[in-house]
Amino acid sequence: MPTFIEKPTVVEAAGNLPKIIREYVGKVNTGTSGVSIAHMTSPGGWEEPGQRPEFDEYTLVLRGVVTVEHEAGVLEVGAGEAVHTAAGEWVRYSTRGADGADYISVCLPAFAPETVHRDA
């Protein structure tokens, strides 16, 4: 039988400015460890520490631009575009544009603070 997910849980975000993370599927909202699906809303000028996570992350940008720094350079991912970052690769996400961004993040396996390995 399908499982209805009525609403997300807002979880704490890392970074220099407040960002809203609405987890629909994952360890917090549904107890799911295999995948997490979250809707992110980040303000202009937001950036988080670099990280080398143990999970793959797929990011689909709905509005604005998400900047993805990686060891080989920088990607600017705009509305209607997506990016995949592989487990074990160093990345850093930010929203440099004045209007910020809305995007969907899918992590396999699910995001967990102990597996993201943020820069100190």
PDB file of N, CA and C in Angstrom:
ATOM      1  N   MET A   1       0.839  -1.180   0.000  1.00  0.00           N
ATOM      2  CA  MET A   1       0.000   0.000   0.000  1.00  0.00           C
ATOM      3  C   MET A   1       0.884   1.243   0.000  1.00  0.00           C
ATOM      4  N   PRO A   2       0.554   2.263  -0.773  1.00  0.00           N
ATOM      5  CA  PRO A   2       1.329   3.491  -0.778  1.00  0.00           C
ATOM      6  C   PRO A   2       1.329   4.155   0.598  1.00  0.00           C
ATOM      7  N   THR A   3       2.411   4.858   0.886  1.00  0.00           N
ATOM      8  CA  THR A   3       2.521   5.617   2.125  1.00  0.00           C
ATOM      9  C   THR A   3       2.372   7.096   1.805  1.00  0.00           C
ATOM     10  N   PHE A   4       1.363   7.718   2.353  1.00  0.00           N
ATOM     11  CA  PHE A   4       1.124   9.142   2.150  1.00  0.00           C
ATOM     12  C   PHE A   4       2.014   9.944   3.094  1.00  0.00           C
ATOM     13  N   ILE A   5       2.713  10.922   2.546  1.00  0.00           N
ATOM     14  CA  ILE A   5       3.563  11.805   3.356  1.00  0.00           C
ATOM     15  C   ILE A   5       2.874  13.163   3.363  1.00  0.00           C
ATOM     16  N   GLU A   6       2.236  13.458   4.469  1.00  0.00           N
ATOM     17  CA  GLU A   6       1.386  14.649   4.557  1.00  0.00           C
ATOM     18  C   GLU A   6       2.167  15.954   4.475  1.00  0.00           C
ATOM     19  N   LYS A   7       3.334  16.008   5.115  1.00  0.00           N
ATOM     20  CA  LYS A   7       4.098  17.252   5.134  1.00  0.00           C
ATOM     21  C   LYS A   7       5.553  16.940   5.477  1.00  0.00           C
ATOM     22  N   PRO A   8       6.436  17.872   5.168  1.00  0.00           N
ATOM     23  CA  PRO A   8       7.846  17.669   5.489  1.00  0.00           C
ATOM     24  C   PRO A   8       8.148  18.090   6.924  1.00  0.00           C
ATOM     25  N   THR A   9       9.355  17.745   7.350  1.00  0.00           N
ATOM     26  CA  THR A   9       9.900  18.245   8.603  1.00  0.00           C
ATOM     27  C   THR A   9      10.992  19.238   8.253  1.00  0.00           C
ATOM     28  N   VAL A  10      10.977  20.398   8.885  1.00  0.00           N
ATOM     29  CA  VAL A  10      12.036  21.386   8.675  1.00  0.00           C
ATOM     30  C   VAL A  10      13.216  20.982   9.546  1.00  0.00           C
ATOM     31  N   VAL A  11      14.389  20.861   8.913  1.00  0.00           N
ATOM     32  CA  VAL A  11      15.597  20.468   9.638  1.00  0.00           C
ATOM     33  C   VAL A  11      16.628  21.581   9.572  1.00  0.00           C
ATOM     34  N   GLU A  12      17.530  21.572  10.535  1.00  0.00           N
ATOM     35  CA  GLU A  12      18.552  22.617  10.631  1.00  0.00           C
ATOM     36  C   GLU A  12      19.526  22.540   9.463  1.00  0.00           C
ATOM     37  N   ALA A  13      19.916  23.714   8.976  1.00  0.00           N
ATOM     38  CA  ALA A  13      20.844  23.803   7.844  1.00  0.00           C
ATOM     39  C   ALA A  13      22.170  24.384   8.294  1.00  0.00           C
ATOM     40  N   ALA A  14      23.238  24.009   7.582  1.00  0.00           N
ATOM     41  CA  ALA A  14      24.556  24.601   7.811  1.00  0.00           C
ATOM     42  C   ALA A  14      24.709  25.805   6.898  1.00  0.00           C
ATOM     43  N   GLY A  15      25.601  26.698   7.265  1.00  0.00           N
ATOM     44  CA  GLY A  15      25.894  27.826   6.395  1.00  0.00           C
ATOM     45  C   GLY A  15      25.905  29.140   7.126  1.00  0.00           C
ATOM     46  N   ASN A  16      26.263  30.175   6.377  1.00  0.00           N
ATOM     47  CA  ASN A  16      26.435  31.499   6.957  1.00  0.00           C
ATOM     48  C   ASN A  16      25.122  32.267   7.140  1.00  0.00           C
ATOM     49  N   LEU A  17      24.055  31.875   6.444  1.00  0.00           N
ATOM     50  CA  LEU A  17      22.741  32.517   6.533  1.00  0.00           C
ATOM     51  C   LEU A  17      21.677  31.435   6.722  1.00  0.00           C
ATOM     52  N   PRO A  18      20.533  31.790   7.273  1.00  0.00           N
ATOM     53  CA  PRO A  18      19.470  30.794   7.441  1.00  0.00           C
ATOM     54  C   PRO A  18      18.963  30.261   6.098  1.00  0.00           C
ATOM     55  N   LYS A  19      18.896  28.967   5.987  1.00  0.00           N
ATOM     56  CA  LYS A  19      18.365  28.268   4.818  1.00  0.00           C
ATOM     57  C   LYS A  19      17.296  27.312   5.333  1.00  0.00           C
ATOM     58  N   ILE A  20      16.218  27.154   4.583  1.00  0.00           N
ATOM     59  CA  ILE A  20      15.140  26.258   4.997  1.00  0.00           C
ATOM     60  C   ILE A  20      15.293  24.927   4.264  1.00  0.00           C
ATOM     61  N   ILE A  21      15.348  23.852   5.037  1.00  0.00           N
ATOM     62  CA  ILE A  21      15.366  22.501   4.481  1.00  0.00           C
ATOM     63  C   ILE A  21      14.078  21.821   4.912  1.00  0.00           C
ATOM     64  N   ARG A  22      13.273  21.437   3.924  1.00  0.00           N
ATOM     65  CA  ARG A  22      12.030  20.711   4.188  1.00  0.00           C
ATOM     66  C   ARG A  22      12.234  19.274   3.729  1.00  0.00           C
ATOM     67  N   GLU A  23      12.476  18.385   4.690  1.00  0.00           N
ATOM     68  CA  GLU A  23      12.697  16.980   4.341  1.00  0.00           C
ATOM     69  C   GLU A  23      11.360  16.261   4.226  1.00  0.00           C
ATOM     70  N   TYR A  24      11.109  15.738   3.031  1.00  0.00           N
ATOM     71  CA  TYR A  24       9.903  14.950   2.796  1.00  0.00           C
ATOM     72  C   TYR A  24      10.156  13.473   3.074  1.00  0.00           C
ATOM     73  N   VAL A  25      11.286  12.982   2.592  1.00  0.00           N
ATOM     74  CA  VAL A  25      11.667  11.588   2.791  1.00  0.00           C
ATOM     75  C   VAL A  25      13.087  11.589   3.331  1.00  0.00           C
ATOM     76  N   GLY A  26      13.340  10.802   4.357  1.00  0.00           N
ATOM     77  CA  GLY A  26      14.680  10.715   4.924  1.00  0.00           C
ATOM     78  C   GLY A  26      14.640  10.262   6.364  1.00  0.00           C
ATOM     79  N   LYS A  27      15.787  10.339   6.992  1.00  0.00           N
ATOM     80  CA  LYS A  27      15.917   9.822   8.350  1.00  0.00           C
ATOM     81  C   LYS A  27      15.046  10.555   9.358  1.00  0.00           C
ATOM     82  N   VAL A  28      14.856  11.871   9.180  1.00  0.00           N
ATOM     83  CA  VAL A  28      14.088  12.650  10.155  1.00  0.00           C
ATOM     84  C   VAL A  28      12.582  12.487   9.955  1.00  0.00           C
ATOM     85  N   ASN A  29      12.095  12.714   8.729  1.00  0.00           N
ATOM     86  CA  ASN A  29      10.643  12.756   8.519  1.00  0.00           C
ATOM     87  C   ASN A  29       9.988  11.382   8.394  1.00  0.00           C
ATOM     88  N   THR A  30      10.657  10.433   7.755  1.00  0.00           N
ATOM     89  CA  THR A  30      10.023   9.128   7.530  1.00  0.00           C
ATOM     90  C   THR A  30      10.827   7.947   8.080  1.00  0.00           C
ATOM     91  N   GLY A  31      12.012   8.227   8.634  1.00  0.00           N
ATOM     92  CA  GLY A  31      12.844   7.141   9.133  1.00  0.00           C
ATOM     93  C   GLY A  31      13.491   6.331   8.027  1.00  0.00           C
ATOM     94  N   THR A  32      13.546   6.892   6.839  1.00  0.00           N
ATOM     95  CA  THR A  32      14.104   6.207   5.671  1.00  0.00           C
ATOM     96  C   THR A  32      15.614   6.426   5.605  1.00  0.00           C
ATOM     97  N   SER A  33      16.383   5.356   5.483  1.00  0.00           N
ATOM     98  CA  SER A  33      17.841   5.503   5.420  1.00  0.00           C
ATOM     99  C   SER A  33      18.405   5.334   4.009  1.00  0.00           C
ATOM    100  N   GLY A  34      17.621   4.806   3.081  1.00  0.00           N
ATOM    101  CA  GLY A  34      18.123   4.540   1.736  1.00  0.00           C
ATOM    102  C   GLY A  34      18.145   5.748   0.824  1.00  0.00           C
ATOM    103  N   VAL A  35      17.282   6.728   1.093  1.00  0.00           N
ATOM    104  CA  VAL A  35      17.193   7.923   0.247  1.00  0.00           C
ATOM    105  C   VAL A  35      16.631   9.069   1.083  1.00  0.00           C
ATOM    106  N   SER A  36      17.039  10.291   0.739  1.00  0.00           N
ATOM    107  CA  SER A  36      16.388  11.464   1.311  1.00  0.00           C
ATOM    108  C   SER A  36      16.000  12.392   0.170  1.00  0.00           C
ATOM    109  N   ILE A  37      14.847  13.032   0.326  1.00  0.00           N
ATOM    110  CA  ILE A  37      14.339  13.984  -0.649  1.00  0.00           C
ATOM    111  C   ILE A  37      13.915  15.228   0.120  1.00  0.00           C
ATOM    112  N   ALA A  38      14.506  16.361  -0.246  1.00  0.00           N
ATOM    113  CA  ALA A  38      14.223  17.598   0.475  1.00  0.00           C
ATOM    114  C   ALA A  38      14.078  18.769  -0.483  1.00  0.00           C
ATOM    115  N   HIS A  39      13.236  19.723  -0.087  1.00  0.00           N
ATOM    116  CA  HIS A  39      13.069  20.983  -0.805  1.00  0.00           C
ATOM    117  C   HIS A  39      13.840  22.042  -0.030  1.00  0.00           C
ATOM    118  N   MET A  40      14.810  22.643  -0.690  1.00  0.00           N
ATOM    119  CA  MET A  40      15.658  23.658  -0.073  1.00  0.00           C
ATOM    120  C   MET A  40      15.259  25.044  -0.564  1.00  0.00           C
ATOM    121  N   THR A  41      15.259  26.015   0.344  1.00  0.00           N
ATOM    122  CA  THR A  41      15.098  27.422  -0.014  1.00  0.00           C
ATOM    123  C   THR A  41      16.244  28.160   0.652  1.00  0.00           C
ATOM    124  N   SER A  42      17.147  28.705  -0.166  1.00  0.00           N
ATOM    125  CA  SER A  42      18.298  29.395   0.402  1.00  0.00           C
ATOM    126  C   SER A  42      18.328  30.833  -0.092  1.00  0.00           C
ATOM    127  N   PRO A  43      18.711  31.751   0.794  1.00  0.00           N
ATOM    128  CA  PRO A  43      18.728  33.166   0.437  1.00  0.00           C
ATOM    129  C   PRO A  43      19.953  33.518  -0.401  1.00  0.00           C
ATOM    130  N   GLY A  44      19.891  34.678  -1.033  1.00  0.00           N
ATOM    131  CA  GLY A  44      21.060  35.179  -1.751  1.00  0.00           C
ATOM    132  C   GLY A  44      22.219  35.387  -0.791  1.00  0.00           C
ATOM    133  N   GLY A  45      23.402  35.007  -1.215  1.00  0.00           N
ATOM    134  CA  GLY A  45      24.588  35.150  -0.380  1.00  0.00           C
ATOM    135  C   GLY A  45      24.854  33.984   0.554  1.00  0.00           C
ATOM    136  N   TRP A  46      23.987  32.960   0.526  1.00  0.00           N
ATOM    137  CA  TRP A  46      24.181  31.797   1.395  1.00  0.00           C
ATOM    138  C   TRP A  46      25.313  30.918   0.859  1.00  0.00           C
ATOM    139  N   GLU A  47      26.088  30.392   1.771  1.00  0.00           N
ATOM    140  CA  GLU A  47      27.079  29.366   1.425  1.00  0.00           C
ATOM    141  C   GLU A  47      27.290  28.470   2.628  1.00  0.00           C
ATOM    142  N   GLU A  48      27.613  27.223   2.331  1.00  0.00           N
ATOM    143  CA  GLU A  48      27.877  26.272   3.399  1.00  0.00           C
ATOM    144  C   GLU A  48      29.331  25.835   3.326  1.00  0.00           C
ATOM    145  N   PRO A  49      29.837  25.208   4.383  1.00  0.00           N
ATOM    146  CA  PRO A  49      31.205  24.696   4.324  1.00  0.00           C
ATOM    147  C   PRO A  49      31.331  23.613   3.250  1.00  0.00           C
ATOM    148  N   GLY A  50      32.534  23.426   2.743  1.00  0.00           N
ATOM    149  CA  GLY A  50      32.781  22.323   1.831  1.00  0.00           C
ATOM    150  C   GLY A  50      32.520  21.009   2.547  1.00  0.00           C
ATOM    151  N   GLN A  51      32.322  19.973   1.762  1.00  0.00           N
ATOM    152  CA  GLN A  51      32.025  18.659   2.344  1.00  0.00           C
ATOM    153  C   GLN A  51      32.503  17.551   1.423  1.00  0.00           C
ATOM    154  N   ARG A  52      32.715  16.394   1.995  1.00  0.00           N
ATOM    155  CA  ARG A  52      33.068  15.189   1.239  1.00  0.00           C
ATOM    156  C   ARG A  52      32.137  14.078   1.734  1.00  0.00           C
ATOM    157  N   PRO A  53      30.877  14.082   1.275  1.00  0.00           N
ATOM    158  CA  PRO A  53      29.870  13.171   1.818  1.00  0.00           C
ATOM    159  C   PRO A  53      30.038  11.720   1.384  1.00  0.00           C
ATOM    160  N   GLU A  54      29.432  10.849   2.156  1.00  0.00           N
ATOM    161  CA  GLU A  54      29.414   9.415   1.861  1.00  0.00           C
ATOM    162  C   GLU A  54      28.207   9.044   0.997  1.00  0.00           C
ATOM    163  N   PHE A  55      27.479  10.017   0.486  1.00  0.00           N
ATOM    164  CA  PHE A  55      26.283   9.755  -0.318  1.00  0.00           C
ATOM    165  C   PHE A  55      26.366  10.508  -1.643  1.00  0.00           C
ATOM    166  N   ASP A  56      25.699   9.966  -2.655  1.00  0.00           N
ATOM    167  CA  ASP A  56      25.512  10.685  -3.910  1.00  0.00           C
ATOM    168  C   ASP A  56      24.430  11.731  -3.669  1.00  0.00           C
ATOM    169  N   GLU A  57      24.557  12.888  -4.336  1.00  0.00           N
ATOM    170  CA  GLU A  57      23.528  13.919  -4.214  1.00  0.00           C
ATOM    171  C   GLU A  57      23.126  14.404  -5.598  1.00  0.00           C
ATOM    172  N   TYR A  58      21.819  14.418  -5.823  1.00  0.00           N
ATOM    173  CA  TYR A  58      21.237  14.915  -7.067  1.00  0.00           C
ATOM    174  C   TYR A  58      20.487  16.188  -6.722  1.00  0.00           C
ATOM    175  N   THR A  59      20.794  17.283  -7.412  1.00  0.00           N
ATOM    176  CA  THR A  59      20.185  18.574  -7.129  1.00  0.00           C
ATOM    177  C   THR A  59      19.459  19.071  -8.373  1.00  0.00           C
ATOM    178  N   LEU A  60      18.174  19.352  -8.240  1.00  0.00           N
ATOM    179  CA  LEU A  60      17.345  19.887  -9.315  1.00  0.00           C
ATOM    180  C   LEU A  60      16.934  21.302  -8.919  1.00  0.00           C
ATOM    181  N   VAL A  61      17.393  22.285  -9.676  1.00  0.00           N
ATOM    182  CA  VAL A  61      17.123  23.685  -9.344  1.00  0.00           C
ATOM    183  C   VAL A  61      15.768  24.093  -9.923  1.00  0.00           C
ATOM    184  N   LEU A  62      14.906  24.603  -9.057  1.00  0.00           N
ATOM    185  CA  LEU A  62      13.568  25.049  -9.449  1.00  0.00           C
ATOM    186  C   LEU A  62      13.529  26.543  -9.753  1.00  0.00           C
ATOM    187  N   ARG A  63      14.295  27.328  -8.996  1.00  0.00           N
ATOM    188  CA  ARG A  63      14.332  28.780  -9.137  1.00  0.00           C
ATOM    189  C   ARG A  63      15.703  29.278  -8.728  1.00  0.00           C
ATOM    190  N   GLY A  64      16.239  30.250  -9.462  1.00  0.00           N
ATOM    191  CA  GLY A  64      17.526  30.820  -9.113  1.00  0.00           C
ATOM    192  C   GLY A  64      18.683  30.003  -9.656  1.00  0.00           C
ATOM    193  N   VAL A  65      19.837  30.185  -9.022  1.00  0.00           N
ATOM    194  CA  VAL A  65      21.066  29.498  -9.430  1.00  0.00           C
ATOM    195  C   VAL A  65      21.768  28.956  -8.191  1.00  0.00           C
ATOM    196  N   VAL A  66      22.170  27.697  -8.255  1.00  0.00           N
ATOM    197  CA  VAL A  66      22.973  27.073  -7.204  1.00  0.00           C
ATOM    198  C   VAL A  66      24.390  26.924  -7.740  1.00  0.00           C
ATOM    199  N   THR A  67      25.355  27.436  -6.992  1.00  0.00           N
ATOM    200  CA  THR A  67      26.758  27.310  -7.359  1.00  0.00           C
ATOM    201  C   THR A  67      27.315  26.071  -6.675  1.00  0.00           C
ATOM    202  N   VAL A  68      27.997  25.231  -7.461  1.00  0.00           N
ATOM    203  CA  VAL A  68      28.596  24.008  -6.937  1.00  0.00           C
ATOM    204  C   VAL A  68      30.095  24.064  -7.210  1.00  0.00           C
ATOM    205  N   GLU A  69      30.855  24.311  -6.150  1.00  0.00           N
ATOM    206  CA  GLU A  69      32.311  24.275  -6.274  1.00  0.00           C
ATOM    207  C   GLU A  69      32.763  22.836  -6.091  1.00  0.00           C
ATOM    208  N   HIS A  70      33.766  22.430  -6.876  1.00  0.00           N
ATOM    209  CA  HIS A  70      34.319  21.086  -6.763  1.00  0.00           C
ATOM    210  C   HIS A  70      35.809  21.171  -7.032  1.00  0.00           C
ATOM    211  N   GLU A  71      36.510  20.074  -6.841  1.00  0.00           N
ATOM    212  CA  GLU A  71      37.971  20.103  -6.939  1.00  0.00           C
ATOM    213  C   GLU A  71      38.480  20.499  -8.316  1.00  0.00           C
ATOM    214  N   ALA A  72      37.672  20.342  -9.365  1.00  0.00           N
ATOM    215  CA  ALA A  72      38.109  20.685 -10.717  1.00  0.00           C
ATOM    216  C   ALA A  72      37.566  22.026 -11.207  1.00  0.00           C
ATOM    217  N   GLY A  73      36.758  22.726 -10.393  1.00  0.00           N
ATOM    218  CA  GLY A  73      36.230  24.004 -10.838  1.00  0.00           C
ATOM    219  C   GLY A  73      34.921  24.369 -10.179  1.00  0.00           C
ATOM    220  N   VAL A  74      34.070  25.070 -10.953  1.00  0.00           N
ATOM    221  CA  VAL A  74      32.797  25.589 -10.443  1.00  0.00           C
ATOM    222  C   VAL A  74      31.711  25.374 -11.489  1.00  0.00           C
ATOM    223  N   LEU A  75      30.538  24.945 -11.048  1.00  0.00           N
ATOM    224  CA  LEU A  75      29.363  24.831 -11.908  1.00  0.00           C
ATOM    225  C   LEU A  75      28.300  25.807 -11.419  1.00  0.00           C
ATOM    226  N   GLU A  76      27.629  26.469 -12.337  1.00  0.00           N
ATOM    227  CA  GLU A  76      26.478  27.314 -12.031  1.00  0.00           C
ATOM    228  C   GLU A  76      25.265  26.570 -12.580  1.00  0.00           C
ATOM    229  N   VAL A  77      24.387  26.115 -11.704  1.00  0.00           N
ATOM    230  CA  VAL A  77      23.251  25.294 -12.083  1.00  0.00           C
ATOM    231  C   VAL A  77      21.988  26.136 -11.943  1.00  0.00           C
ATOM    232  N   GLY A  78      21.322  26.418 -13.074  1.00  0.00           N
ATOM    233  CA  GLY A  78      20.166  27.300 -13.082  1.00  0.00           C
ATOM    234  C   GLY A  78      18.847  26.562 -13.064  1.00  0.00           C
ATOM    235  N   ALA A  79      17.773  27.336 -12.982  1.00  0.00           N
ATOM    236  CA  ALA A  79      16.420  26.788 -12.949  1.00  0.00           C
ATOM    237  C   ALA A  79      16.200  25.869 -14.143  1.00  0.00           C
ATOM    238  N   GLY A  80      15.655  24.690 -13.869  1.00  0.00           N
ATOM    239  CA  GLY A  80      15.409  23.702 -14.909  1.00  0.00           C
ATOM    240  C   GLY A  80      16.598  22.811 -15.202  1.00  0.00           C
ATOM    241  N   GLU A  81      17.697  23.024 -14.495  1.00  0.00           N
ATOM    242  CA  GLU A  81      18.907  22.204 -14.670  1.00  0.00           C
ATOM    243  C   GLU A  81      19.157  21.393 -13.410  1.00  0.00           C
ATOM    244  N   ALA A  82      20.015  20.383 -13.536  1.00  0.00           N
ATOM    245  CA  ALA A  82      20.331  19.518 -12.407  1.00  0.00           C
ATOM    246  C   ALA A  82      21.816  19.186 -12.402  1.00  0.00           C
ATOM    247  N   VAL A  83      22.292  18.712 -11.263  1.00  0.00           N
ATOM    248  CA  VAL A  83      23.683  18.290 -11.129  1.00  0.00           C
ATOM    249  C   VAL A  83      23.730  17.070 -10.205  1.00  0.00           C
ATOM    250  N   HIS A  84      24.673  16.193 -10.470  1.00  0.00           N
ATOM    251  CA  HIS A  84      24.915  15.014  -9.627  1.00  0.00           C
ATOM    252  C   HIS A  84      26.325  15.129  -9.071  1.00  0.00           C
ATOM    253  N   THR A  85      26.465  15.004  -7.761  1.00  0.00           N
ATOM    254  CA  THR A  85      27.782  14.922  -7.147  1.00  0.00           C
ATOM    255  C   THR A  85      27.911  13.535  -6.528  1.00  0.00           C
ATOM    256  N   ALA A  86      29.050  12.901  -6.777  1.00  0.00           N
ATOM    257  CA  ALA A  86      29.259  11.518  -6.344  1.00  0.00           C
ATOM    258  C   ALA A  86      29.773  11.449  -4.910  1.00  0.00           C
ATOM    259  N   ALA A  87      29.409  10.381  -4.238  1.00  0.00           N
ATOM    260  CA  ALA A  87      29.919  10.120  -2.894  1.00  0.00           C
ATOM    261  C   ALA A  87      31.439  10.163  -2.913  1.00  0.00           C
ATOM    262  N   GLY A  88      32.019  10.803  -1.908  1.00  0.00           N
ATOM    263  CA  GLY A  88      33.472  10.857  -1.777  1.00  0.00           C
ATOM    264  C   GLY A  88      34.127  12.038  -2.464  1.00  0.00           C
ATOM    265  N   GLU A  89      33.382  12.774  -3.299  1.00  0.00           N
ATOM    266  CA  GLU A  89      33.990  13.927  -3.961  1.00  0.00           C
ATOM    267  C   GLU A  89      33.727  15.185  -3.141  1.00  0.00           C
ATOM    268  N   TRP A  90      34.737  16.089  -3.111  1.00  0.00           N
ATOM    269  CA  TRP A  90      34.606  17.339  -2.354  1.00  0.00           C
ATOM    270  C   TRP A  90      33.737  18.309  -3.138  1.00  0.00           C
ATOM    271  N   VAL A  91      32.735  18.909  -2.439  1.00  0.00           N
ATOM    272  CA  VAL A  91      31.857  19.903  -3.044  1.00  0.00           C
ATOM    273  C   VAL A  91      31.509  20.968  -2.018  1.00  0.00           C
ATOM    274  N   ARG A  92      31.108  22.127  -2.544  1.00  0.00           N
ATOM    275  CA  ARG A  92      30.591  23.186  -1.674  1.00  0.00           C
ATOM    276  C   ARG A  92      29.479  23.893  -2.432  1.00  0.00           C
ATOM    277  N   TYR A  93      28.309  23.981  -1.792  1.00  0.00           N
ATOM    278  CA  TYR A  93      27.137  24.589  -2.395  1.00  0.00           C
ATOM    279  C   TYR A  93      26.954  26.017  -1.883  1.00  0.00           C
ATOM    280  N   SER A  94      26.443  26.890  -2.773  1.00  0.00           N
ATOM    281  CA  SER A  94      26.107  28.257  -2.375  1.00  0.00           C
ATOM    282  C   SER A  94      25.059  28.815  -3.324  1.00  0.00           C
ATOM    283  N   THR A  95      24.432  29.898  -2.894  1.00  0.00           N
ATOM    284  CA  THR A  95      23.503  30.643  -3.751  1.00  0.00           C
ATOM    285  C   THR A  95      23.978  32.085  -3.733  1.00  0.00           C
ATOM    286  N   ARG A  96      24.770  32.437  -4.715  1.00  0.00           N
ATOM    287  CA  ARG A  96      25.417  33.743  -4.773  1.00  0.00           C
ATOM    288  C   ARG A  96      24.493  34.851  -5.262  1.00  0.00           C
ATOM    289  N   GLY A  97      23.510  34.506  -6.083  1.00  0.00           N
ATOM    290  CA  GLY A  97      22.608  35.510  -6.647  1.00  0.00           C
ATOM    291  C   GLY A  97      21.775  36.182  -5.572  1.00  0.00           C
ATOM    292  N   ALA A  98      21.381  37.420  -5.818  1.00  0.00           N
ATOM    293  CA  ALA A  98      20.642  38.211  -4.835  1.00  0.00           C
ATOM    294  C   ALA A  98      19.311  37.575  -4.435  1.00  0.00           C
ATOM    295  N   ASP A  99      18.681  36.826  -5.343  1.00  0.00           N
ATOM    296  CA  ASP A  99      17.368  36.246  -5.071  1.00  0.00           C
ATOM    297  C   ASP A  99      17.408  34.853  -4.468  1.00  0.00           C
ATOM    298  N   GLY A 100      18.603  34.288  -4.270  1.00  0.00           N
ATOM    299  CA  GLY A 100      18.693  32.957  -3.702  1.00  0.00           C
ATOM    300  C   GLY A 100      18.190  31.897  -4.669  1.00  0.00           C
ATOM    301  N   ALA A 101      17.749  30.760  -4.124  1.00  0.00           N
ATOM    302  CA  ALA A 101      17.306  29.653  -4.978  1.00  0.00           C
ATOM    303  C   ALA A 101      16.391  28.715  -4.219  1.00  0.00           C
ATOM    304  N   ASP A 102      15.582  28.007  -4.983  1.00  0.00           N
ATOM    305  CA  ASP A 102      14.791  26.877  -4.503  1.00  0.00           C
ATOM    306  C   ASP A 102      15.247  25.669  -5.291  1.00  0.00           C
ATOM    307  N   TYR A 103      15.470  24.563  -4.599  1.00  0.00           N
ATOM    308  CA  TYR A 103      15.918  23.359  -5.292  1.00  0.00           C
ATOM    309  C   TYR A 103      15.542  22.116  -4.514  1.00  0.00           C
ATOM    310  N   ILE A 104      15.498  21.010  -5.243  1.00  0.00           N
ATOM    311  CA  ILE A 104      15.218  19.705  -4.659  1.00  0.00           C
ATOM    312  C   ILE A 104      16.543  18.950  -4.565  1.00  0.00           C
ATOM    313  N   SER A 105      16.785  18.353  -3.425  1.00  0.00           N
ATOM    314  CA  SER A 105      17.987  17.552  -3.206  1.00  0.00           C
ATOM    315  C   SER A 105      17.573  16.113  -2.908  1.00  0.00           C
ATOM    316  N   VAL A 106      18.177  15.183  -3.645  1.00  0.00           N
ATOM    317  CA  VAL A 106      17.946  13.753  -3.424  1.00  0.00           C
ATOM    318  C   VAL A 106      19.289  13.132  -3.076  1.00  0.00           C
ATOM    319  N   CYS A 107      19.389  12.504  -1.921  1.00  0.00           N
ATOM    320  CA  CYS A 107      20.642  11.877  -1.476  1.00  0.00           C
ATOM    321  C   CYS A 107      20.457  10.368  -1.358  1.00  0.00           C
ATOM    322  N   LEU A 108      21.442   9.630  -1.877  1.00  0.00           N
ATOM    323  CA  LEU A 108      21.457   8.167  -1.841  1.00  0.00           C
ATOM    324  C   LEU A 108      22.788   7.674  -1.287  1.00  0.00           C
ATOM    325  N   PRO A 109      22.835   7.005  -0.153  1.00  0.00           N
ATOM    326  CA  PRO A 109      21.747   6.821   0.805  1.00  0.00           C
ATOM    327  C   PRO A 109      21.362   8.158   1.433  1.00  0.00           C
ATOM    328  N   ALA A 110      20.425   8.139   2.337  1.00  0.00           N
ATOM    329  CA  ALA A 110      19.876   9.361   2.919  1.00  0.00           C
ATOM    330  C   ALA A 110      20.941  10.213   3.595  1.00  0.00           C
ATOM    331  N   PHE A 111      20.743  11.540   3.521  1.00  0.00           N
ATOM    332  CA  PHE A 111      21.604  12.492   4.219  1.00  0.00           C
ATOM    333  C   PHE A 111      21.601  12.195   5.712  1.00  0.00           C
ATOM    334  N   ALA A 112      22.763  12.317   6.321  1.00  0.00           N
ATOM    335  CA  ALA A 112      22.902  12.242   7.773  1.00  0.00           C
ATOM    336  C   ALA A 112      24.069  13.132   8.186  1.00  0.00           C
ATOM    337  N   PRO A 113      23.941  13.870   9.270  1.00  0.00           N
ATOM    338  CA  PRO A 113      25.031  14.754   9.696  1.00  0.00           C
ATOM    339  C   PRO A 113      26.371  14.024   9.870  1.00  0.00           C
ATOM    340  N   GLU A 114      26.312  12.770  10.285  1.00  0.00           N
ATOM    341  CA  GLU A 114      27.560  12.031  10.522  1.00  0.00           C
ATOM    342  C   GLU A 114      28.193  11.502   9.247  1.00  0.00           C
ATOM    343  N   THR A 115      27.505  11.610   8.099  1.00  0.00           N
ATOM    344  CA  THR A 115      28.082  11.113   6.845  1.00  0.00           C
ATOM    345  C   THR A 115      28.377  12.219   5.828  1.00  0.00           C
ATOM    346  N   VAL A 116      28.162  13.490   6.214  1.00  0.00           N
ATOM    347  CA  VAL A 116      28.399  14.589   5.276  1.00  0.00           C
ATOM    348  C   VAL A 116      29.864  15.043   5.288  1.00  0.00           C
ATOM    349  N   HIS A 117      30.538  14.929   6.418  1.00  0.00           N
ATOM    350  CA  HIS A 117      31.963  15.258   6.553  1.00  0.00           C
ATOM    351  C   HIS A 117      32.290  16.669   6.058  1.00  0.00           C
ATOM    352  N   ARG A 118      31.721  17.656   6.748  1.00  0.00           N
ATOM    353  CA  ARG A 118      31.969  19.060   6.417  1.00  0.00           C
ATOM    354  C   ARG A 118      33.377  19.482   6.805  1.00  0.00           C
ATOM    355  N   ASP A 119      33.917  20.443   6.051  1.00  0.00           N
ATOM    356  CA  ASP A 119      35.233  21.004   6.353  1.00  0.00           C
ATOM    357  C   ASP A 119      35.186  21.663   7.727  1.00  0.00           C
ATOM    358  N   ALA A 120      36.277  21.580   8.430  1.00  0.00           N
ATOM    359  CA  ALA A 120      36.347  22.174   9.772  1.00  0.00           C
ATOM    360  C   ALA A 120      36.536  23.672   9.688  1.00  0.00           C
TER     361      ALA A 120
END
